All heavy atoms as atom14 arrays in JSON, in Angstrom:
{
  "sequence": "LGLLRDPGYGEGWELKKKWYAEEGILPLEEGGGPRGALV",
  "atom14_mask": [
    [1, 1, 1, 1, 1, 1, 1, 1, 0, 0, 0, 0, 0, 0],
    [1, 1, 1, 1, 0, 0, 0, 0, 0, 0, 0, 0, 0, 0],
    [1, 1, 1, 1, 1, 1, 1, 1, 0, 0, 0, 0, 0, 0],
    [1, 1, 1, 1, 1, 1, 1, 1, 0, 0, 0, 0, 0, 0],
    [1, 1, 1, 1, 1, 1, 1, 1, 1, 1, 1, 0, 0, 0],
    [1, 1, 1, 1, 1, 1, 1, 1, 0, 0, 0, 0, 0, 0],
    [1, 1, 1, 1, 1, 1, 1, 0, 0, 0, 0, 0, 0, 0],
    [1, 1, 1, 1, 0, 0, 0, 0, 0, 0, 0, 0, 0, 0],
    [1, 1, 1, 1, 1, 1, 1, 1, 1, 1, 1, 1, 0, 0],
    [1, 1, 1, 1, 0, 0, 0, 0, 0, 0, 0, 0, 0, 0],
    [1, 1, 1, 1, 1, 1, 1, 1, 1, 0, 0, 0, 0, 0],
    [1, 1, 1, 1, 0, 0, 0, 0, 0, 0, 0, 0, 0, 0],
    [1, 1, 1, 1, 1, 1, 1, 1, 1, 1, 1, 1, 1, 1],
    [1, 1, 1, 1, 1, 1, 1, 1, 1, 0, 0, 0, 0, 0],
    [1, 1, 1, 1, 1, 1, 1, 1, 0, 0, 0, 0, 0, 0],
    [1, 1, 1, 1, 1, 1, 1, 1, 1, 0, 0, 0, 0, 0],
    [1, 1, 1, 1, 1, 1, 1, 1, 1, 0, 0, 0, 0, 0],
    [1, 1, 1, 1, 1, 1, 1, 1, 1, 0, 0, 0, 0, 0],
    [1, 1, 1, 1, 1, 1, 1, 1, 1, 1, 1, 1, 1, 1],
    [1, 1, 1, 1, 1, 1, 1, 1, 1, 1, 1, 1, 0, 0],
    [1, 1, 1, 1, 1, 0, 0, 0, 0, 0, 0, 0, 0, 0],
    [1, 1, 1, 1, 1, 1, 1, 1, 1, 0, 0, 0, 0, 0],
    [1, 1, 1, 1, 1, 1, 1, 1, 1, 0, 0, 0, 0, 0],
    [1, 1, 1, 1, 0, 0, 0, 0, 0, 0, 0, 0, 0, 0],
    [1, 1, 1, 1, 1, 1, 1, 1, 0, 0, 0, 0, 0, 0],
    [1, 1, 1, 1, 1, 1, 1, 1, 0, 0, 0, 0, 0, 0],
    [1, 1, 1, 1, 1, 1, 1, 0, 0, 0, 0, 0, 0, 0],
    [1, 1, 1, 1, 1, 1, 1, 1, 0, 0, 0, 0, 0, 0],
    [1, 1, 1, 1, 1, 1, 1, 1, 1, 0, 0, 0, 0, 0],
    [1, 1, 1, 1, 1, 1, 1, 1, 1, 0, 0, 0, 0, 0],
    [1, 1, 1, 1, 0, 0, 0, 0, 0, 0, 0, 0, 0, 0],
    [1, 1, 1, 1, 0, 0, 0, 0, 0, 0, 0, 0, 0, 0],
    [1, 1, 1, 1, 0, 0, 0, 0, 0, 0, 0, 0, 0, 0],
    [1, 1, 1, 1, 1, 1, 1, 0, 0, 0, 0, 0, 0, 0],
    [1, 1, 1, 1, 1, 1, 1, 1, 1, 1, 1, 0, 0, 0],
    [1, 1, 1, 1, 0, 0, 0, 0, 0, 0, 0, 0, 0, 0],
    [1, 1, 1, 1, 1, 0, 0, 0, 0, 0, 0, 0, 0, 0],
    [1, 1, 1, 1, 1, 1, 1, 1, 0, 0, 0, 0, 0, 0],
    [1, 1, 1, 1, 1, 1, 1, 0, 0, 0, 0, 0, 0, 0]
  ],
  "atom14_positions": [
    [[-17.13, -84.28, -5.66], [-17.69, -83.81, -6.92], [-18.08, -85.0, -7.77], [-17.3, -85.52, -8.56], [-16.65, -82.93, -7.64], [-15.95, -81.9, -6.74], [-14.9, -81.14, -7.54], [-16.95, -80.95, -6.12], [0.0, 0.0, 0.0], [0.0, 0.0, 0.0], [0.0, 0.0, 0.0], [0.0, 0.0, 0.0], [0.0, 0.0, 0.0], [0.0, 0.0, 0.0]],
    [[-19.32, -85.44, -7.61], [-19.76, -86.66, -8.26], [-20.12, -86.53, -9.72], [-20.24, -87.53, -10.42], [0.0, 0.0, 0.0], [0.0, 0.0, 0.0], [0.0, 0.0, 0.0], [0.0, 0.0, 0.0], [0.0, 0.0, 0.0], [0.0, 0.0, 0.0], [0.0, 0.0, 0.0], [0.0, 0.0, 0.0], [0.0, 0.0, 0.0], [0.0, 0.0, 0.0]],
    [[-20.31, -85.31, -10.2], [-20.74, -85.11, -11.6], [-19.79, -84.18, -12.35], [-20.21, -83.41, -13.21], [-22.17, -84.53, -11.63], [-23.26, -85.4, -11.01], [-24.57, -84.63, -10.97], [-23.44, -86.69, -11.79], [0.0, 0.0, 0.0], [0.0, 0.0, 0.0], [0.0, 0.0, 0.0], [0.0, 0.0, 0.0], [0.0, 0.0, 0.0], [0.0, 0.0, 0.0]],
    [[-18.51, -84.27, -12.04], [-17.57, -83.32, -12.61], [-17.39, -83.49, -14.11], [-16.86, -82.6, -14.78], [-16.22, -83.45, -11.9], [-15.31, -82.21, -11.93], [-16.04, -80.97, -11.43], [-14.05, -82.46, -11.11], [0.0, 0.0, 0.0], [0.0, 0.0, 0.0], [0.0, 0.0, 0.0], [0.0, 0.0, 0.0], [0.0, 0.0, 0.0], [0.0, 0.0, 0.0]],
    [[-17.84, -84.62, -14.66], [-17.77, -84.79, -16.11], [-18.74, -83.86, -16.83], [-18.58, -83.58, -18.02], [-18.11, -86.24, -16.48], [-17.11, -87.27, -15.98], [-17.48, -88.66, -16.46], [-16.57, -89.68, -15.95], [-16.75, -90.29, -14.79], [-17.79, -89.99, -14.04], [-15.9, -91.22, -14.39], [0.0, 0.0, 0.0], [0.0, 0.0, 0.0], [0.0, 0.0, 0.0]],
    [[-19.76, -83.39, -16.13], [-20.76, -82.49, -16.7], [-20.17, -81.07, -16.73], [-19.82, -80.53, -15.67], [-22.03, -82.52, -15.86], [-23.15, -81.69, -16.44], [-22.86, -80.67, -17.1], [-24.32, -82.03, -16.23], [0.0, 0.0, 0.0], [0.0, 0.0, 0.0], [0.0, 0.0, 0.0], [0.0, 0.0, 0.0], [0.0, 0.0, 0.0], [0.0, 0.0, 0.0]],
    [[-20.05, -80.43, -17.91], [-19.46, -79.08, -17.98], [-20.19, -78.07, -17.09], [-19.55, -77.23, -16.45], [-19.58, -78.72, -19.46], [-19.64, -80.04, -20.17], [-20.38, -80.96, -19.24], [0.0, 0.0, 0.0], [0.0, 0.0, 0.0], [0.0, 0.0, 0.0], [0.0, 0.0, 0.0], [0.0, 0.0, 0.0], [0.0, 0.0, 0.0], [0.0, 0.0, 0.0]],
    [[-21.52, -78.15, -17.06], [-22.27, -77.21, -16.23], [-21.96, -77.39, -14.76], [-21.85, -76.42, -14.0], [0.0, 0.0, 0.0], [0.0, 0.0, 0.0], [0.0, 0.0, 0.0], [0.0, 0.0, 0.0], [0.0, 0.0, 0.0], [0.0, 0.0, 0.0], [0.0, 0.0, 0.0], [0.0, 0.0, 0.0], [0.0, 0.0, 0.0], [0.0, 0.0, 0.0]],
    [[-21.81, -78.64, -14.34], [-21.46, -78.94, -12.95], [-20.07, -78.39, -12.63], [-19.84, -77.82, -11.56], [-21.52, -80.45, -12.74], [-21.29, -80.92, -11.32], [-22.36, -81.15, -10.47], [-20.0, -81.15, -10.83], [-22.15, -81.6, -9.17], [-19.78, -81.59, -9.54], [-20.86, -81.83, -8.71], [-20.65, -82.27, -7.43], [0.0, 0.0, 0.0], [0.0, 0.0, 0.0]],
    [[-19.14, -78.56, -13.59], [-17.8, -78.05, -13.39], [-17.76, -76.54, -13.25], [-17.03, -76.0, -12.41], [0.0, 0.0, 0.0], [0.0, 0.0, 0.0], [0.0, 0.0, 0.0], [0.0, 0.0, 0.0], [0.0, 0.0, 0.0], [0.0, 0.0, 0.0], [0.0, 0.0, 0.0], [0.0, 0.0, 0.0], [0.0, 0.0, 0.0], [0.0, 0.0, 0.0]],
    [[-18.56, -75.85, -14.04], [-18.63, -74.39, -13.93], [-19.19, -73.98, -12.58], [-18.74, -73.02, -11.95], [-19.5, -73.84, -15.06], [-18.88, -74.0, -16.45], [-19.84, -73.61, -17.56], [-20.96, -73.15, -17.22], [-19.49, -73.75, -18.74], [0.0, 0.0, 0.0], [0.0, 0.0, 0.0], [0.0, 0.0, 0.0], [0.0, 0.0, 0.0], [0.0, 0.0, 0.0]],
    [[-20.2, -74.72, -12.12], [-20.77, -74.43, -10.8], [-19.76, -74.64, -9.69], [-19.74, -73.88, -8.71], [0.0, 0.0, 0.0], [0.0, 0.0, 0.0], [0.0, 0.0, 0.0], [0.0, 0.0, 0.0], [0.0, 0.0, 0.0], [0.0, 0.0, 0.0], [0.0, 0.0, 0.0], [0.0, 0.0, 0.0], [0.0, 0.0, 0.0], [0.0, 0.0, 0.0]],
    [[-18.92, -75.67, -9.83], [-17.91, -75.92, -8.83], [-16.88, -74.8, -8.78], [-16.44, -74.38, -7.71], [-17.22, -77.26, -9.1], [-15.94, -77.45, -8.35], [-14.7, -77.66, -8.86], [-15.77, -77.4, -6.91], [-13.76, -77.76, -7.86], [-14.39, -77.61, -6.65], [-16.63, -77.21, -5.84], [-13.87, -77.63, -5.36], [-16.11, -77.23, -4.55], [-14.75, -77.44, -4.31]],
    [[-16.5, -74.27, -9.94], [-15.55, -73.16, -9.96], [-16.12, -71.95, -9.23], [-15.41, -71.25, -8.5], [-15.18, -72.81, -11.4], [-14.33, -73.85, -12.11], [-13.01, -74.09, -11.4], [-12.4, -73.11, -10.93], [-12.6, -75.26, -11.31], [0.0, 0.0, 0.0], [0.0, 0.0, 0.0], [0.0, 0.0, 0.0], [0.0, 0.0, 0.0], [0.0, 0.0, 0.0]],
    [[-17.42, -71.69, -9.42], [-18.06, -70.57, -8.72], [-18.11, -70.82, -7.22], [-17.9, -69.91, -6.41], [-19.47, -70.35, -9.28], [-19.56, -69.82, -10.71], [-21.01, -69.79, -11.17], [-18.94, -68.43, -10.82], [0.0, 0.0, 0.0], [0.0, 0.0, 0.0], [0.0, 0.0, 0.0], [0.0, 0.0, 0.0], [0.0, 0.0, 0.0], [0.0, 0.0, 0.0]],
    [[-18.38, -72.07, -6.85], [-18.45, -72.41, -5.43], [-17.08, -72.3, -4.79], [-16.95, -71.81, -3.66], [-19.01, -73.82, -5.27], [-19.34, -74.2, -3.83], [-20.04, -75.55, -3.77], [-20.48, -75.88, -2.36], [-21.19, -77.18, -2.3], [0.0, 0.0, 0.0], [0.0, 0.0, 0.0], [0.0, 0.0, 0.0], [0.0, 0.0, 0.0], [0.0, 0.0, 0.0]],
    [[-16.05, -72.73, -5.5], [-14.69, -72.65, -4.97], [-14.28, -71.18, -4.8], [-13.6, -70.82, -3.82], [-13.73, -73.37, -5.92], [-12.36, -73.59, -5.35], [-11.58, -74.63, -6.14], [-11.44, -74.28, -7.58], [-10.54, -75.21, -8.3], [0.0, 0.0, 0.0], [0.0, 0.0, 0.0], [0.0, 0.0, 0.0], [0.0, 0.0, 0.0], [0.0, 0.0, 0.0]],
    [[-14.71, -70.33, -5.72], [-14.44, -68.9, -5.6], [-15.15, -68.33, -4.38], [-14.59, -67.5, -3.66], [-14.9, -68.17, -6.87], [-14.66, -66.69, -6.85], [-15.15, -66.03, -8.14], [-14.92, -64.52, -8.11], [-15.44, -63.87, -9.35], [0.0, 0.0, 0.0], [0.0, 0.0, 0.0], [0.0, 0.0, 0.0], [0.0, 0.0, 0.0], [0.0, 0.0, 0.0]],
    [[-16.38, -68.79, -4.13], [-17.13, -68.34, -2.94], [-16.39, -68.74, -1.68], [-16.26, -67.94, -0.74], [-18.52, -68.94, -2.96], [-19.39, -68.53, -1.8], [-20.19, -67.42, -1.71], [-19.55, -69.24, -0.56], [-20.82, -67.39, -0.48], [-20.46, -68.49, 0.24], [-19.02, -70.41, -0.05], [-20.84, -68.9, 1.51], [-19.39, -70.82, 1.23], [-20.29, -70.07, 1.99]],
    [[-15.9, -69.98, -1.64], [-15.13, -70.42, -0.47], [-13.93, -69.5, -0.25], [-13.64, -69.1, 0.88], [-14.63, -71.85, -0.69], [-15.61, -72.93, -0.26], [-16.07, -73.88, -1.17], [-16.04, -73.03, 1.06], [-16.94, -74.89, -0.78], [-16.91, -74.03, 1.47], [-17.35, -74.96, 0.54], [-18.22, -75.95, 0.93], [0.0, 0.0, 0.0], [0.0, 0.0, 0.0]],
    [[-13.21, -69.18, -1.33], [-12.02, -68.33, -1.2], [-12.38, -66.96, -0.66], [-11.67, -66.4, 0.19], [-11.32, -68.21, -2.56], [0.0, 0.0, 0.0], [0.0, 0.0, 0.0], [0.0, 0.0, 0.0], [0.0, 0.0, 0.0], [0.0, 0.0, 0.0], [0.0, 0.0, 0.0], [0.0, 0.0, 0.0], [0.0, 0.0, 0.0], [0.0, 0.0, 0.0]],
    [[-13.5, -66.41, -1.14], [-13.93, -65.1, -0.65], [-14.33, -65.14, 0.82], [-14.29, -64.11, 1.5], [-15.11, -64.61, -1.5], [-14.72, -64.26, -2.94], [-15.92, -63.97, -3.81], [-17.06, -64.26, -3.37], [-15.73, -63.47, -4.94], [0.0, 0.0, 0.0], [0.0, 0.0, 0.0], [0.0, 0.0, 0.0], [0.0, 0.0, 0.0], [0.0, 0.0, 0.0]],
    [[-14.69, -66.33, 1.3], [-15.05, -66.48, 2.71], [-13.86, -66.83, 3.59], [-14.0, -67.09, 4.78], [-16.11, -67.58, 2.85], [-17.44, -67.25, 2.2], [-18.1, -66.02, 2.81], [-17.98, -65.84, 4.05], [-18.7, -65.24, 2.07], [0.0, 0.0, 0.0], [0.0, 0.0, 0.0], [0.0, 0.0, 0.0], [0.0, 0.0, 0.0], [0.0, 0.0, 0.0]],
    [[-12.65, -66.86, 2.98], [-11.46, -67.17, 3.75], [-11.23, -68.64, 3.93], [-10.51, -69.07, 4.85], [0.0, 0.0, 0.0], [0.0, 0.0, 0.0], [0.0, 0.0, 0.0], [0.0, 0.0, 0.0], [0.0, 0.0, 0.0], [0.0, 0.0, 0.0], [0.0, 0.0, 0.0], [0.0, 0.0, 0.0], [0.0, 0.0, 0.0], [0.0, 0.0, 0.0]],
    [[-11.8, -69.47, 3.06], [-11.61, -70.92, 3.1], [-10.85, -71.3, 1.84], [-11.4, -71.28, 0.73], [-12.97, -71.66, 3.17], [-13.74, -71.21, 4.42], [-12.77, -73.17, 3.17], [-15.18, -71.68, 4.44], [0.0, 0.0, 0.0], [0.0, 0.0, 0.0], [0.0, 0.0, 0.0], [0.0, 0.0, 0.0], [0.0, 0.0, 0.0], [0.0, 0.0, 0.0]],
    [[-9.56, -71.64, 2.0], [-8.68, -71.87, 0.87], [-8.25, -73.34, 0.81], [-8.35, -74.06, 1.8], [-7.45, -70.97, 0.98], [-7.75, -69.46, 1.05], [-6.47, -68.67, 1.29], [-8.43, -68.98, -0.22], [0.0, 0.0, 0.0], [0.0, 0.0, 0.0], [0.0, 0.0, 0.0], [0.0, 0.0, 0.0], [0.0, 0.0, 0.0], [0.0, 0.0, 0.0]],
    [[-7.77, -73.79, -0.36], [-7.34, -75.19, -0.49], [-6.32, -75.59, 0.57], [-5.41, -74.82, 0.9], [-6.75, -75.24, -1.89], [-7.48, -74.17, -2.65], [-7.67, -73.06, -1.65], [0.0, 0.0, 0.0], [0.0, 0.0, 0.0], [0.0, 0.0, 0.0], [0.0, 0.0, 0.0], [0.0, 0.0, 0.0], [0.0, 0.0, 0.0], [0.0, 0.0, 0.0]],
    [[-6.48, -76.78, 1.1], [-5.58, -77.27, 2.13], [-4.14, -77.36, 1.63], [-3.2, -77.05, 2.36], [-6.06, -78.65, 2.6], [-5.22, -79.33, 3.69], [-5.27, -78.53, 4.99], [-5.69, -80.75, 3.92], [0.0, 0.0, 0.0], [0.0, 0.0, 0.0], [0.0, 0.0, 0.0], [0.0, 0.0, 0.0], [0.0, 0.0, 0.0], [0.0, 0.0, 0.0]],
    [[-3.96, -77.76, 0.35], [-2.61, -77.9, -0.18], [-1.91, -76.55, -0.32], [-0.7, -76.5, -0.52], [-2.65, -78.61, -1.53], [-3.46, -77.9, -2.59], [-3.62, -78.74, -3.85], [-3.33, -79.94, -3.82], [-4.03, -78.15, -4.86], [0.0, 0.0, 0.0], [0.0, 0.0, 0.0], [0.0, 0.0, 0.0], [0.0, 0.0, 0.0], [0.0, 0.0, 0.0]],
    [[-2.67, -75.45, -0.18], [-2.08, -74.12, -0.19], [-1.96, -73.55, 1.23], [-1.66, -72.38, 1.41], [-2.91, -73.17, -1.06], [-2.96, -73.59, -2.53], [-3.87, -72.7, -3.36], [-4.37, -71.69, -2.82], [-4.1, -73.02, -4.54], [0.0, 0.0, 0.0], [0.0, 0.0, 0.0], [0.0, 0.0, 0.0], [0.0, 0.0, 0.0], [0.0, 0.0, 0.0]],
    [[-2.24, -74.39, 2.21], [-2.11, -73.96, 3.6], [-3.42, -73.59, 4.27], [-3.43, -73.25, 5.45], [0.0, 0.0, 0.0], [0.0, 0.0, 0.0], [0.0, 0.0, 0.0], [0.0, 0.0, 0.0], [0.0, 0.0, 0.0], [0.0, 0.0, 0.0], [0.0, 0.0, 0.0], [0.0, 0.0, 0.0], [0.0, 0.0, 0.0], [0.0, 0.0, 0.0]],
    [[-4.53, -73.63, 3.51], [-5.81, -73.26, 4.1], [-5.97, -71.76, 4.24], [-5.12, -70.98, 3.78], [0.0, 0.0, 0.0], [0.0, 0.0, 0.0], [0.0, 0.0, 0.0], [0.0, 0.0, 0.0], [0.0, 0.0, 0.0], [0.0, 0.0, 0.0], [0.0, 0.0, 0.0], [0.0, 0.0, 0.0], [0.0, 0.0, 0.0], [0.0, 0.0, 0.0]],
    [[-7.06, -71.34, 4.88], [-7.33, -69.92, 5.07], [-7.74, -69.63, 6.49], [-7.81, -70.54, 7.33], [0.0, 0.0, 0.0], [0.0, 0.0, 0.0], [0.0, 0.0, 0.0], [0.0, 0.0, 0.0], [0.0, 0.0, 0.0], [0.0, 0.0, 0.0], [0.0, 0.0, 0.0], [0.0, 0.0, 0.0], [0.0, 0.0, 0.0], [0.0, 0.0, 0.0]],
    [[-8.05, -68.37, 6.8], [-8.4, -68.0, 8.18], [-9.69, -68.64, 8.69], [-9.87, -68.8, 9.88], [-8.52, -66.47, 8.11], [-8.77, -66.16, 6.66], [-8.01, -67.2, 5.9], [0.0, 0.0, 0.0], [0.0, 0.0, 0.0], [0.0, 0.0, 0.0], [0.0, 0.0, 0.0], [0.0, 0.0, 0.0], [0.0, 0.0, 0.0], [0.0, 0.0, 0.0]],
    [[-10.59, -69.03, 7.76], [-11.85, -69.64, 8.2], [-11.89, -71.15, 7.94], [-12.9, -71.78, 8.2], [-13.05, -68.99, 7.5], [-13.36, -67.59, 7.96], [-14.72, -67.15, 7.43], [-15.8, -67.96, 7.96], [-17.06, -67.94, 7.51], [-17.37, -67.16, 6.48], [-18.0, -68.68, 8.05], [0.0, 0.0, 0.0], [0.0, 0.0, 0.0], [0.0, 0.0, 0.0]],
    [[-10.8, -71.71, 7.46], [-10.78, -73.14, 7.26], [-10.06, -73.54, 5.99], [-9.61, -72.69, 5.21], [0.0, 0.0, 0.0], [0.0, 0.0, 0.0], [0.0, 0.0, 0.0], [0.0, 0.0, 0.0], [0.0, 0.0, 0.0], [0.0, 0.0, 0.0], [0.0, 0.0, 0.0], [0.0, 0.0, 0.0], [0.0, 0.0, 0.0], [0.0, 0.0, 0.0]],
    [[-9.97, -74.84, 5.79], [-9.29, -75.39, 4.62], [-10.29, -76.2, 3.8], [-11.26, -76.74, 4.33], [-8.12, -76.26, 5.05], [0.0, 0.0, 0.0], [0.0, 0.0, 0.0], [0.0, 0.0, 0.0], [0.0, 0.0, 0.0], [0.0, 0.0, 0.0], [0.0, 0.0, 0.0], [0.0, 0.0, 0.0], [0.0, 0.0, 0.0], [0.0, 0.0, 0.0]],
    [[-10.02, -76.29, 2.5], [-10.93, -76.97, 1.57], [-10.2, -78.1, 0.86], [-9.1, -77.91, 0.35], [-11.46, -75.97, 0.54], [-12.36, -76.51, -0.56], [-13.69, -76.99, 0.02], [-12.61, -75.43, -1.62], [0.0, 0.0, 0.0], [0.0, 0.0, 0.0], [0.0, 0.0, 0.0], [0.0, 0.0, 0.0], [0.0, 0.0, 0.0], [0.0, 0.0, 0.0]],
    [[-10.82, -79.29, 0.85], [-10.32, -80.4, 0.03], [-11.49, -80.92, -0.8], [-12.65, -80.71, -0.46], [-9.74, -81.54, 0.9], [-8.55, -81.05, 1.71], [-10.8, -82.16, 1.8], [0.0, 0.0, 0.0], [0.0, 0.0, 0.0], [0.0, 0.0, 0.0], [0.0, 0.0, 0.0], [0.0, 0.0, 0.0], [0.0, 0.0, 0.0], [0.0, 0.0, 0.0]]
  ]
}
């Protein structure tokens, strides 16, 4: 996340992270998901 200081970029990342979760890709520190892990 190269532009996380930008509020708009941060909001977009939250939406993207939600999309990953809906696809079964969860944070690695939480054990990951059925379709993969996210860092």
